N, C-alpha and C. Protein backbone atom coordinates (compact mmCIF):
# COMPACT_ATOMS: atom_id res chain seq x y z
N UNK A 1 -14.30 21.05 9.27
CA UNK A 1 -13.74 21.54 8.00
C UNK A 1 -14.41 20.82 6.83
N UNK A 2 -14.90 21.57 5.88
CA UNK A 2 -15.57 20.97 4.72
C UNK A 2 -14.56 20.23 3.84
N UNK A 3 -15.08 19.37 2.99
CA UNK A 3 -14.20 18.60 2.12
C UNK A 3 -13.53 19.53 1.10
N UNK A 4 -12.23 19.38 0.90
CA UNK A 4 -11.54 20.21 -0.09
C UNK A 4 -11.75 19.67 -1.49
N UNK A 5 -11.54 20.49 -2.48
CA UNK A 5 -11.58 20.04 -3.86
C UNK A 5 -10.27 19.34 -4.24
N UNK A 6 -9.16 19.84 -3.68
CA UNK A 6 -7.84 19.29 -3.95
C UNK A 6 -7.04 19.23 -2.66
N UNK A 7 -6.04 18.34 -2.65
CA UNK A 7 -5.21 18.16 -1.47
C UNK A 7 -3.74 18.15 -1.91
N UNK A 8 -2.93 18.93 -1.23
CA UNK A 8 -1.50 18.95 -1.50
C UNK A 8 -0.86 17.77 -0.75
N UNK A 9 -0.24 16.88 -1.50
CA UNK A 9 0.24 15.61 -0.97
C UNK A 9 1.74 15.47 -1.21
N UNK A 10 2.44 14.98 -0.19
CA UNK A 10 3.84 14.60 -0.34
C UNK A 10 3.89 13.09 -0.57
N UNK A 11 4.53 12.69 -1.66
CA UNK A 11 4.53 11.29 -2.09
C UNK A 11 5.96 10.76 -2.05
N UNK A 12 6.14 9.62 -1.37
CA UNK A 12 7.45 8.99 -1.33
C UNK A 12 7.29 7.49 -1.44
N UNK A 13 8.38 6.80 -1.75
CA UNK A 13 8.34 5.35 -1.93
C UNK A 13 8.50 4.63 -0.60
N UNK A 14 7.74 3.54 -0.44
CA UNK A 14 7.86 2.70 0.74
C UNK A 14 8.69 1.45 0.47
N UNK A 15 9.13 1.25 -0.77
CA UNK A 15 9.96 0.09 -1.09
C UNK A 15 11.26 0.19 -0.30
N UNK A 16 11.63 -0.89 0.39
CA UNK A 16 12.75 -0.85 1.33
C UNK A 16 14.03 -0.36 0.69
N UNK A 17 14.29 -0.83 -0.54
CA UNK A 17 15.56 -0.48 -1.16
C UNK A 17 15.62 0.96 -1.63
N UNK A 18 14.46 1.65 -1.61
CA UNK A 18 14.44 3.03 -2.10
C UNK A 18 14.20 4.06 -0.99
N UNK A 19 14.07 3.61 0.25
CA UNK A 19 13.70 4.54 1.32
C UNK A 19 14.64 5.72 1.40
N UNK A 20 15.94 5.46 1.28
CA UNK A 20 16.91 6.55 1.44
C UNK A 20 17.30 7.20 0.13
N UNK A 21 16.75 6.68 -0.98
CA UNK A 21 17.17 7.16 -2.28
C UNK A 21 16.11 7.98 -3.01
N UNK A 22 14.85 7.66 -2.78
CA UNK A 22 13.78 8.30 -3.55
C UNK A 22 13.43 9.67 -2.97
N UNK A 23 13.46 10.72 -3.78
CA UNK A 23 13.08 12.04 -3.27
C UNK A 23 11.57 12.12 -3.03
N UNK A 24 11.19 13.04 -2.17
CA UNK A 24 9.77 13.28 -1.91
C UNK A 24 9.22 14.16 -3.03
N UNK A 25 8.11 13.72 -3.60
CA UNK A 25 7.46 14.46 -4.68
C UNK A 25 6.20 15.11 -4.11
N UNK A 26 6.02 16.37 -4.40
CA UNK A 26 4.82 17.08 -3.95
C UNK A 26 3.84 17.18 -5.12
N UNK A 27 2.62 16.72 -4.88
CA UNK A 27 1.59 16.76 -5.92
C UNK A 27 0.31 17.35 -5.33
N UNK A 28 -0.51 17.91 -6.21
CA UNK A 28 -1.85 18.34 -5.83
C UNK A 28 -2.83 17.36 -6.44
N UNK A 29 -3.48 16.58 -5.56
CA UNK A 29 -4.41 15.55 -6.02
C UNK A 29 -5.85 16.02 -5.86
N UNK A 30 -6.71 15.69 -6.82
CA UNK A 30 -8.14 15.88 -6.58
C UNK A 30 -8.54 15.06 -5.35
N UNK A 31 -9.44 15.59 -4.54
CA UNK A 31 -9.83 14.90 -3.33
C UNK A 31 -10.39 13.50 -3.64
N UNK A 32 -11.14 13.38 -4.74
CA UNK A 32 -11.70 12.08 -5.11
C UNK A 32 -10.59 11.06 -5.38
N UNK A 33 -9.47 11.51 -5.95
CA UNK A 33 -8.33 10.62 -6.20
C UNK A 33 -7.72 10.17 -4.88
N UNK A 34 -7.53 11.09 -3.94
CA UNK A 34 -7.01 10.71 -2.62
C UNK A 34 -7.94 9.71 -1.95
N UNK A 35 -9.25 9.89 -2.13
CA UNK A 35 -10.21 8.98 -1.50
C UNK A 35 -10.09 7.56 -2.03
N UNK A 36 -9.71 7.40 -3.30
CA UNK A 36 -9.47 6.06 -3.84
C UNK A 36 -8.37 5.37 -3.05
N UNK A 37 -7.30 6.10 -2.76
CA UNK A 37 -6.19 5.52 -2.00
C UNK A 37 -6.61 5.24 -0.55
N UNK A 38 -7.37 6.15 0.03
CA UNK A 38 -7.85 5.94 1.40
C UNK A 38 -8.73 4.70 1.46
N UNK A 39 -9.62 4.56 0.50
CA UNK A 39 -10.55 3.43 0.51
C UNK A 39 -9.84 2.10 0.29
N UNK A 40 -8.72 2.11 -0.43
CA UNK A 40 -7.98 0.86 -0.63
C UNK A 40 -7.44 0.34 0.69
N UNK A 41 -7.23 1.24 1.66
CA UNK A 41 -6.75 0.84 2.98
C UNK A 41 -7.88 0.67 3.99
N UNK A 42 -8.89 1.53 3.90
CA UNK A 42 -9.93 1.57 4.93
C UNK A 42 -11.26 1.02 4.49
N UNK A 43 -11.45 0.85 3.17
CA UNK A 43 -12.76 0.47 2.69
C UNK A 43 -13.74 1.64 2.83
N UNK A 44 -15.01 1.42 2.53
CA UNK A 44 -15.99 2.52 2.58
C UNK A 44 -16.54 2.71 4.00
N UNK A 45 -15.65 2.88 4.95
CA UNK A 45 -16.02 3.00 6.36
C UNK A 45 -15.81 4.45 6.80
N UNK A 46 -16.87 5.22 7.02
CA UNK A 46 -16.71 6.64 7.37
C UNK A 46 -15.85 6.88 8.60
N UNK A 47 -15.93 5.98 9.60
CA UNK A 47 -15.15 6.16 10.83
C UNK A 47 -13.66 6.04 10.53
N UNK A 48 -13.27 5.01 9.79
CA UNK A 48 -11.86 4.83 9.46
C UNK A 48 -11.37 5.90 8.49
N UNK A 49 -12.22 6.29 7.55
CA UNK A 49 -11.86 7.37 6.63
C UNK A 49 -11.58 8.65 7.40
N UNK A 50 -12.43 8.94 8.37
CA UNK A 50 -12.26 10.14 9.18
C UNK A 50 -10.92 10.10 9.93
N UNK A 51 -10.56 8.92 10.46
CA UNK A 51 -9.30 8.77 11.18
C UNK A 51 -8.10 9.01 10.27
N UNK A 52 -8.16 8.46 9.05
CA UNK A 52 -7.03 8.61 8.13
C UNK A 52 -6.89 10.06 7.67
N UNK A 53 -8.00 10.71 7.37
CA UNK A 53 -7.93 12.11 6.94
C UNK A 53 -7.36 12.98 8.05
N UNK A 54 -7.70 12.67 9.31
CA UNK A 54 -7.15 13.42 10.43
C UNK A 54 -5.66 13.14 10.60
N UNK A 55 -5.26 11.87 10.46
CA UNK A 55 -3.86 11.48 10.64
C UNK A 55 -2.96 12.10 9.58
N UNK A 56 -3.46 12.17 8.35
CA UNK A 56 -2.70 12.82 7.28
C UNK A 56 -1.58 11.98 6.72
N UNK A 57 -1.67 10.68 6.85
CA UNK A 57 -0.65 9.81 6.27
C UNK A 57 -1.29 8.48 5.90
N UNK A 58 -0.77 7.88 4.84
CA UNK A 58 -1.36 6.65 4.31
C UNK A 58 -0.34 5.94 3.45
N UNK A 59 -0.23 4.62 3.61
CA UNK A 59 0.58 3.81 2.72
C UNK A 59 -0.36 3.07 1.77
N UNK A 60 -0.15 3.27 0.48
CA UNK A 60 -0.96 2.62 -0.54
C UNK A 60 -0.03 1.98 -1.55
N UNK A 61 -0.03 0.65 -1.59
CA UNK A 61 0.92 -0.05 -2.46
C UNK A 61 2.34 0.21 -1.99
N UNK A 62 3.18 0.66 -2.90
CA UNK A 62 4.58 0.95 -2.56
C UNK A 62 4.81 2.43 -2.28
N UNK A 63 3.73 3.20 -2.09
CA UNK A 63 3.87 4.64 -1.92
C UNK A 63 3.29 5.09 -0.58
N UNK A 64 3.93 6.09 0.00
CA UNK A 64 3.41 6.75 1.20
C UNK A 64 2.91 8.14 0.83
N UNK A 65 1.69 8.43 1.22
CA UNK A 65 1.08 9.74 1.00
C UNK A 65 1.03 10.48 2.34
N UNK A 66 1.43 11.75 2.33
CA UNK A 66 1.34 12.59 3.52
C UNK A 66 0.72 13.93 3.14
N UNK A 67 -0.15 14.43 3.99
CA UNK A 67 -0.78 15.71 3.76
C UNK A 67 -1.09 16.35 5.13
N UNK A 68 -1.48 17.59 5.12
CA UNK A 68 -1.85 18.26 6.36
C UNK A 68 -3.22 17.76 6.79
N UNK A 69 -3.22 16.92 7.82
CA UNK A 69 -4.47 16.29 8.24
C UNK A 69 -5.46 17.29 8.81
N UNK A 70 -6.71 16.92 8.78
CA UNK A 70 -7.74 17.77 9.35
C UNK A 70 -8.86 16.90 9.91
N UNK A 71 -9.56 17.44 10.88
CA UNK A 71 -10.68 16.75 11.49
C UNK A 71 -11.95 17.14 10.77
N UNK A 72 -12.53 16.22 10.07
CA UNK A 72 -13.78 16.52 9.36
C UNK A 72 -14.96 16.02 10.18
N UNK A 73 -16.09 16.60 9.98
CA UNK A 73 -17.29 16.20 10.68
C UNK A 73 -17.76 14.82 10.18
N UNK A 74 -18.57 14.16 10.99
CA UNK A 74 -19.08 12.84 10.60
C UNK A 74 -19.83 12.93 9.27
N UNK A 75 -20.61 13.98 9.10
CA UNK A 75 -21.38 14.14 7.86
C UNK A 75 -20.44 14.31 6.67
N UNK A 76 -19.31 15.00 6.87
CA UNK A 76 -18.35 15.18 5.79
C UNK A 76 -17.67 13.85 5.44
N UNK A 77 -17.37 13.03 6.46
CA UNK A 77 -16.78 11.72 6.21
C UNK A 77 -17.74 10.84 5.42
N UNK A 78 -19.01 10.91 5.77
CA UNK A 78 -20.01 10.15 5.01
C UNK A 78 -20.12 10.66 3.59
N UNK A 79 -20.00 11.99 3.40
CA UNK A 79 -20.03 12.56 2.06
C UNK A 79 -18.80 12.13 1.26
N UNK A 80 -17.65 12.00 1.94
CA UNK A 80 -16.43 11.54 1.26
C UNK A 80 -16.60 10.10 0.78
N UNK A 81 -17.18 9.27 1.62
CA UNK A 81 -17.43 7.87 1.23
C UNK A 81 -18.42 7.80 0.07
N UNK A 82 -19.37 8.73 0.06
CA UNK A 82 -20.37 8.74 -1.02
C UNK A 82 -19.74 9.03 -2.38
N UNK A 83 -18.53 9.61 -2.39
CA UNK A 83 -17.84 9.88 -3.66
C UNK A 83 -17.31 8.61 -4.30
N UNK A 84 -17.17 7.55 -3.50
CA UNK A 84 -16.54 6.32 -3.97
C UNK A 84 -17.48 5.48 -4.82
N UNK A 85 -16.93 4.72 -5.78
CA UNK A 85 -17.76 3.75 -6.50
C UNK A 85 -18.32 2.71 -5.53
N UNK A 86 -19.44 2.15 -5.86
CA UNK A 86 -20.08 1.15 -5.01
C UNK A 86 -20.16 -0.19 -5.74
N UNK A 87 -20.17 -1.29 -4.99
CA UNK A 87 -20.42 -2.59 -5.64
C UNK A 87 -21.76 -2.56 -6.37
N UNK A 88 -21.81 -3.20 -7.53
CA UNK A 88 -23.03 -3.26 -8.32
C UNK A 88 -23.30 -4.71 -8.70
N UNK A 89 -23.97 -5.46 -7.82
CA UNK A 89 -24.18 -6.90 -8.07
C UNK A 89 -24.89 -7.20 -9.38
N UNK A 90 -25.67 -6.26 -9.89
CA UNK A 90 -26.37 -6.48 -11.16
C UNK A 90 -25.53 -6.18 -12.38
N UNK A 91 -24.31 -5.73 -12.18
CA UNK A 91 -23.45 -5.34 -13.30
C UNK A 91 -22.90 -6.59 -13.98
N UNK A 92 -23.06 -6.66 -15.28
CA UNK A 92 -22.60 -7.81 -16.05
C UNK A 92 -21.14 -7.63 -16.43
N UNK A 93 -20.45 -8.74 -16.57
CA UNK A 93 -19.05 -8.71 -16.99
C UNK A 93 -18.95 -8.18 -18.41
N UNK A 94 -18.19 -7.12 -18.61
CA UNK A 94 -17.99 -6.52 -19.92
C UNK A 94 -16.63 -6.96 -20.45
N UNK A 95 -16.58 -7.81 -21.48
CA UNK A 95 -15.30 -8.31 -21.99
C UNK A 95 -14.33 -7.21 -22.39
N UNK A 96 -14.86 -6.09 -22.89
CA UNK A 96 -14.00 -5.00 -23.35
C UNK A 96 -13.22 -4.39 -22.19
N UNK A 97 -13.78 -4.46 -20.98
CA UNK A 97 -13.18 -3.81 -19.82
C UNK A 97 -12.34 -4.75 -18.95
N UNK A 98 -12.22 -6.01 -19.36
CA UNK A 98 -11.46 -6.98 -18.55
C UNK A 98 -9.98 -6.59 -18.52
N UNK A 99 -9.40 -6.62 -17.32
CA UNK A 99 -8.02 -6.21 -17.12
C UNK A 99 -7.10 -7.40 -16.81
N UNK A 100 -7.61 -8.34 -16.04
CA UNK A 100 -6.77 -9.46 -15.60
C UNK A 100 -7.64 -10.67 -15.33
N UNK A 101 -7.12 -11.85 -15.63
CA UNK A 101 -7.78 -13.10 -15.30
C UNK A 101 -6.84 -13.92 -14.42
N UNK A 102 -7.42 -14.66 -13.50
CA UNK A 102 -6.64 -15.58 -12.68
C UNK A 102 -7.27 -16.95 -12.78
N UNK A 103 -6.50 -17.93 -13.24
CA UNK A 103 -6.94 -19.31 -13.22
C UNK A 103 -6.62 -19.84 -11.83
N UNK A 104 -7.65 -20.29 -11.10
CA UNK A 104 -7.45 -20.57 -9.69
C UNK A 104 -8.24 -21.77 -9.21
N UNK A 105 -7.79 -22.29 -8.08
CA UNK A 105 -8.51 -23.29 -7.30
C UNK A 105 -8.25 -22.96 -5.84
N UNK A 106 -8.64 -23.84 -4.95
CA UNK A 106 -8.40 -23.58 -3.53
C UNK A 106 -6.93 -23.69 -3.17
N UNK A 107 -6.12 -24.27 -4.04
CA UNK A 107 -4.71 -24.51 -3.72
C UNK A 107 -3.72 -23.83 -4.66
N UNK A 108 -4.17 -23.25 -5.75
CA UNK A 108 -3.22 -22.64 -6.69
C UNK A 108 -3.86 -21.51 -7.45
N UNK A 109 -3.02 -20.68 -8.06
CA UNK A 109 -3.51 -19.58 -8.90
C UNK A 109 -2.43 -19.19 -9.89
N UNK A 110 -2.88 -18.80 -11.07
CA UNK A 110 -1.99 -18.27 -12.11
C UNK A 110 -2.60 -16.97 -12.61
N UNK A 111 -1.91 -15.85 -12.37
CA UNK A 111 -2.39 -14.55 -12.81
C UNK A 111 -2.00 -14.31 -14.27
N UNK A 112 -2.96 -13.83 -15.06
CA UNK A 112 -2.75 -13.60 -16.49
C UNK A 112 -3.23 -12.20 -16.83
N UNK A 113 -2.32 -11.31 -17.15
CA UNK A 113 -2.69 -9.94 -17.48
C UNK A 113 -3.20 -9.86 -18.91
N UNK A 114 -3.95 -8.83 -19.17
CA UNK A 114 -4.44 -8.57 -20.52
C UNK A 114 -3.27 -8.43 -21.49
N UNK A 115 -2.22 -7.72 -21.04
CA UNK A 115 -1.07 -7.48 -21.91
C UNK A 115 -0.35 -8.76 -22.27
N UNK A 116 -0.33 -9.72 -21.34
CA UNK A 116 0.37 -10.98 -21.61
C UNK A 116 -0.42 -11.91 -22.52
N UNK A 117 -1.75 -11.85 -22.45
CA UNK A 117 -2.58 -12.83 -23.16
C UNK A 117 -3.19 -12.31 -24.45
N UNK A 118 -3.17 -11.00 -24.68
CA UNK A 118 -3.78 -10.45 -25.89
C UNK A 118 -2.99 -10.72 -27.17
N UNK A 119 -1.65 -10.64 -27.15
CA UNK A 119 -0.91 -10.83 -28.41
C UNK A 119 -1.11 -12.24 -28.99
N UNK A 120 -1.20 -12.30 -30.30
CA UNK A 120 -1.33 -13.59 -30.99
C UNK A 120 0.03 -14.06 -31.49
N UNK A 121 0.26 -15.33 -31.42
CA UNK A 121 1.48 -15.89 -31.96
C UNK A 121 1.42 -15.88 -33.48
N UNK A 122 2.56 -15.95 -34.09
CA UNK A 122 2.67 -15.90 -35.56
C UNK A 122 1.82 -16.99 -36.20
N UNK A 123 0.99 -16.58 -37.16
CA UNK A 123 0.11 -17.45 -37.93
C UNK A 123 -1.05 -18.04 -37.11
N UNK A 124 -1.27 -17.53 -35.91
CA UNK A 124 -2.42 -17.98 -35.11
C UNK A 124 -3.54 -16.95 -35.21
N UNK A 125 -4.76 -17.43 -35.37
CA UNK A 125 -5.90 -16.52 -35.53
C UNK A 125 -6.47 -16.04 -34.20
N UNK A 126 -6.19 -16.79 -33.15
CA UNK A 126 -6.78 -16.47 -31.86
C UNK A 126 -5.69 -16.17 -30.83
N UNK A 127 -6.07 -15.41 -29.84
CA UNK A 127 -5.19 -15.16 -28.71
C UNK A 127 -5.68 -15.95 -27.51
N UNK A 128 -4.82 -16.10 -26.53
CA UNK A 128 -5.25 -16.81 -25.31
C UNK A 128 -6.31 -16.00 -24.57
N UNK A 129 -6.25 -14.69 -24.69
CA UNK A 129 -7.27 -13.83 -24.07
C UNK A 129 -8.65 -14.17 -24.60
N UNK A 130 -8.74 -14.40 -25.92
CA UNK A 130 -10.02 -14.81 -26.51
C UNK A 130 -10.50 -16.13 -25.93
N UNK A 131 -9.58 -17.05 -25.73
CA UNK A 131 -9.94 -18.35 -25.16
C UNK A 131 -10.52 -18.19 -23.75
N UNK A 132 -9.90 -17.33 -22.96
CA UNK A 132 -10.40 -17.09 -21.61
C UNK A 132 -11.80 -16.48 -21.63
N UNK A 133 -12.01 -15.53 -22.54
CA UNK A 133 -13.32 -14.89 -22.63
C UNK A 133 -14.38 -15.88 -23.12
N UNK A 134 -14.01 -16.72 -24.06
CA UNK A 134 -14.96 -17.71 -24.57
C UNK A 134 -15.37 -18.72 -23.51
N UNK A 135 -14.47 -18.95 -22.55
CA UNK A 135 -14.78 -19.90 -21.47
C UNK A 135 -15.62 -19.26 -20.36
N UNK A 136 -15.86 -17.96 -20.47
CA UNK A 136 -16.50 -17.22 -19.38
C UNK A 136 -17.96 -16.93 -19.67
N UNK A 137 -18.75 -17.98 -19.77
CA UNK A 137 -20.16 -17.80 -20.07
C UNK A 137 -20.95 -17.22 -18.91
N UNK A 138 -20.98 -17.92 -17.77
CA UNK A 138 -21.76 -17.50 -16.61
C UNK A 138 -20.82 -16.92 -15.57
N UNK A 139 -20.76 -15.60 -15.52
CA UNK A 139 -19.88 -14.93 -14.56
C UNK A 139 -20.70 -14.46 -13.36
N UNK A 140 -20.23 -14.79 -12.17
CA UNK A 140 -20.91 -14.39 -10.93
C UNK A 140 -20.20 -13.17 -10.34
N UNK A 141 -20.97 -12.12 -10.08
CA UNK A 141 -20.40 -10.91 -9.50
C UNK A 141 -19.98 -11.17 -8.05
N UNK A 142 -18.77 -10.69 -7.68
CA UNK A 142 -18.27 -10.86 -6.33
C UNK A 142 -18.30 -9.56 -5.53
N UNK A 143 -17.56 -8.55 -6.00
CA UNK A 143 -17.48 -7.29 -5.25
C UNK A 143 -16.77 -6.24 -6.09
N UNK A 144 -16.69 -5.04 -5.53
CA UNK A 144 -15.86 -4.00 -6.11
C UNK A 144 -14.62 -3.85 -5.25
N UNK A 145 -13.44 -3.80 -5.89
CA UNK A 145 -12.17 -3.65 -5.19
C UNK A 145 -11.69 -2.21 -5.32
N UNK A 146 -11.52 -1.54 -4.18
CA UNK A 146 -10.99 -0.18 -4.22
C UNK A 146 -9.50 -0.19 -4.55
N UNK A 147 -8.80 -1.24 -4.18
CA UNK A 147 -7.38 -1.33 -4.51
C UNK A 147 -7.18 -1.46 -6.02
N UNK A 148 -8.00 -2.29 -6.67
CA UNK A 148 -7.89 -2.49 -8.11
C UNK A 148 -8.68 -1.47 -8.91
N UNK A 149 -9.59 -0.77 -8.23
CA UNK A 149 -10.52 0.13 -8.91
C UNK A 149 -11.27 -0.61 -10.01
N UNK A 150 -11.78 -1.76 -9.62
CA UNK A 150 -12.40 -2.65 -10.60
C UNK A 150 -13.35 -3.60 -9.89
N UNK A 151 -14.28 -4.15 -10.67
CA UNK A 151 -15.19 -5.17 -10.17
C UNK A 151 -14.55 -6.55 -10.32
N UNK A 152 -14.91 -7.46 -9.42
CA UNK A 152 -14.39 -8.82 -9.46
C UNK A 152 -15.54 -9.80 -9.76
N UNK A 153 -15.23 -10.79 -10.58
CA UNK A 153 -16.20 -11.80 -10.98
C UNK A 153 -15.56 -13.18 -10.87
N UNK A 154 -16.41 -14.20 -10.75
CA UNK A 154 -15.95 -15.60 -10.75
C UNK A 154 -16.71 -16.38 -11.80
N UNK A 155 -15.97 -17.17 -12.56
CA UNK A 155 -16.56 -18.07 -13.55
C UNK A 155 -16.13 -19.49 -13.20
N UNK A 156 -17.08 -20.34 -12.81
CA UNK A 156 -16.76 -21.74 -12.52
C UNK A 156 -16.59 -22.51 -13.82
N UNK A 157 -15.61 -23.43 -13.82
CA UNK A 157 -15.27 -24.18 -15.02
C UNK A 157 -15.47 -25.67 -14.81
N UNK A 158 -16.02 -26.32 -15.82
CA UNK A 158 -16.08 -27.78 -15.81
C UNK A 158 -14.73 -28.33 -16.25
N UNK A 159 -14.53 -29.63 -16.04
CA UNK A 159 -13.23 -30.24 -16.33
C UNK A 159 -12.82 -30.07 -17.79
N UNK A 160 -13.79 -30.19 -18.71
CA UNK A 160 -13.47 -30.07 -20.13
C UNK A 160 -12.96 -28.67 -20.47
N UNK A 161 -13.57 -27.65 -19.87
CA UNK A 161 -13.14 -26.28 -20.13
C UNK A 161 -11.73 -26.05 -19.58
N UNK A 162 -11.43 -26.62 -18.42
CA UNK A 162 -10.08 -26.50 -17.86
C UNK A 162 -9.05 -27.13 -18.79
N UNK A 163 -9.38 -28.29 -19.32
CA UNK A 163 -8.43 -28.97 -20.20
C UNK A 163 -8.22 -28.18 -21.49
N UNK A 164 -9.28 -27.58 -22.03
CA UNK A 164 -9.13 -26.75 -23.23
C UNK A 164 -8.21 -25.57 -22.95
N UNK A 165 -8.37 -24.94 -21.79
CA UNK A 165 -7.54 -23.80 -21.47
C UNK A 165 -6.08 -24.21 -21.26
N UNK A 166 -5.85 -25.40 -20.74
CA UNK A 166 -4.47 -25.89 -20.64
C UNK A 166 -3.87 -26.08 -22.03
N UNK A 167 -4.63 -26.72 -22.91
CA UNK A 167 -4.13 -26.96 -24.27
C UNK A 167 -3.94 -25.66 -25.04
N UNK A 168 -4.87 -24.73 -24.86
CA UNK A 168 -4.79 -23.45 -25.58
C UNK A 168 -3.66 -22.56 -25.08
N UNK A 169 -3.06 -22.90 -23.95
CA UNK A 169 -1.95 -22.09 -23.43
C UNK A 169 -0.79 -22.02 -24.42
N UNK A 170 -0.76 -22.94 -25.40
CA UNK A 170 0.26 -22.88 -26.44
C UNK A 170 0.15 -21.61 -27.27
N UNK A 171 -1.00 -20.93 -27.19
CA UNK A 171 -1.18 -19.68 -27.93
C UNK A 171 -0.43 -18.51 -27.29
N UNK A 172 -0.02 -18.66 -26.04
CA UNK A 172 0.68 -17.59 -25.35
C UNK A 172 2.09 -17.40 -25.89
N UNK A 173 2.51 -16.15 -25.94
CA UNK A 173 3.88 -15.86 -26.37
C UNK A 173 4.90 -16.14 -25.28
N UNK A 174 4.44 -16.18 -24.04
CA UNK A 174 5.34 -16.38 -22.91
C UNK A 174 5.31 -17.85 -22.49
N UNK A 175 6.37 -18.57 -22.80
CA UNK A 175 6.40 -20.01 -22.54
C UNK A 175 6.34 -20.33 -21.05
N UNK A 176 6.95 -19.48 -20.22
CA UNK A 176 6.92 -19.72 -18.78
C UNK A 176 5.51 -19.68 -18.22
N UNK A 177 4.73 -18.71 -18.70
CA UNK A 177 3.34 -18.60 -18.26
C UNK A 177 2.53 -19.79 -18.77
N UNK A 178 2.75 -20.18 -20.00
CA UNK A 178 2.05 -21.34 -20.56
C UNK A 178 2.35 -22.60 -19.75
N UNK A 179 3.59 -22.76 -19.34
CA UNK A 179 3.98 -23.94 -18.55
C UNK A 179 3.26 -23.95 -17.21
N UNK A 180 3.16 -22.77 -16.58
CA UNK A 180 2.43 -22.70 -15.30
C UNK A 180 0.99 -23.16 -15.46
N UNK A 181 0.34 -22.72 -16.54
CA UNK A 181 -1.06 -23.08 -16.76
C UNK A 181 -1.20 -24.57 -16.98
N UNK A 182 -0.29 -25.15 -17.74
CA UNK A 182 -0.38 -26.59 -18.01
C UNK A 182 -0.15 -27.43 -16.76
N UNK A 183 0.66 -26.92 -15.82
CA UNK A 183 1.04 -27.72 -14.66
C UNK A 183 0.12 -27.53 -13.46
N UNK A 184 -0.68 -26.47 -13.43
CA UNK A 184 -1.51 -26.18 -12.26
C UNK A 184 -2.92 -26.76 -12.40
N UNK A 185 -3.52 -27.00 -11.24
CA UNK A 185 -4.92 -27.37 -11.20
C UNK A 185 -5.75 -26.11 -10.97
N UNK A 186 -6.86 -26.00 -11.66
CA UNK A 186 -7.75 -24.86 -11.46
C UNK A 186 -9.18 -25.27 -11.78
N UNK A 187 -10.12 -24.57 -11.16
CA UNK A 187 -11.54 -24.88 -11.39
C UNK A 187 -12.40 -23.64 -11.64
N UNK A 188 -11.76 -22.46 -11.66
CA UNK A 188 -12.53 -21.25 -11.97
C UNK A 188 -11.59 -20.16 -12.48
N UNK A 189 -12.22 -19.17 -13.11
CA UNK A 189 -11.51 -17.96 -13.54
C UNK A 189 -11.98 -16.82 -12.65
N UNK A 190 -11.03 -16.08 -12.12
CA UNK A 190 -11.35 -14.87 -11.35
C UNK A 190 -11.00 -13.69 -12.24
N UNK A 191 -12.01 -12.90 -12.58
CA UNK A 191 -11.81 -11.75 -13.48
C UNK A 191 -11.76 -10.44 -12.70
N UNK A 192 -10.85 -9.56 -13.10
CA UNK A 192 -10.80 -8.18 -12.62
C UNK A 192 -11.21 -7.30 -13.79
N UNK A 193 -12.29 -6.54 -13.60
CA UNK A 193 -12.92 -5.83 -14.71
C UNK A 193 -13.11 -4.35 -14.36
N UNK A 194 -12.48 -3.48 -15.12
CA UNK A 194 -12.63 -2.05 -14.90
C UNK A 194 -14.00 -1.56 -15.34
N UNK A 195 -14.29 -0.32 -15.02
CA UNK A 195 -15.58 0.25 -15.42
C UNK A 195 -15.46 1.10 -16.68
N UNK A 196 -14.25 1.17 -17.22
CA UNK A 196 -14.02 1.80 -18.51
C UNK A 196 -13.06 0.92 -19.30
N UNK A 197 -13.17 0.96 -20.62
CA UNK A 197 -12.27 0.19 -21.46
C UNK A 197 -10.84 0.69 -21.26
N UNK A 198 -9.85 -0.20 -21.12
CA UNK A 198 -8.47 0.23 -20.94
C UNK A 198 -7.96 0.94 -22.18
N UNK A 199 -7.04 1.87 -21.97
CA UNK A 199 -6.45 2.59 -23.11
C UNK A 199 -5.66 1.63 -23.98
N UNK A 200 -5.75 1.83 -25.26
CA UNK A 200 -5.02 0.98 -26.20
C UNK A 200 -3.61 1.51 -26.41
């Protein structure tokens, strides 16, 4: 069976507290959109993709997708994988497309969303997001994440840069997040970067 343009999907919640409460929603998804969900579970592996398309069911995040499964040919499975974005090691970190930063070490991590770090406190000229970007001079490309639909990068930090980021956490509007940053040890920033600028 050739690849369809669209797939009729039944969508339900996998969250335990909602299993008996959430109604099943029927949607028509573009095949490329379904493939994003498949790849988040299977990666760009034609054999596993073929198995999932035949099975007709997939759990992605807190949602279960079900559709009428079909057996596609090996060439079609390879064509389906070819629709997916690929890692691009030569791709440079684009500050405009950054979605999330994680201050991390081998023993701890603090996740910082764009939404949490972009707002500026009253009478402050800079945001904590700007501080994170300013500390990110040499970013090393890691991989493309199908789950995040984004590229991942690592920026190693010297001790002075870590201390500045701890002190600059006072710029955050969320005191709990600022306290986490001040109390944790970290030696690098892990960036999640989309391939398009996020909607404002």
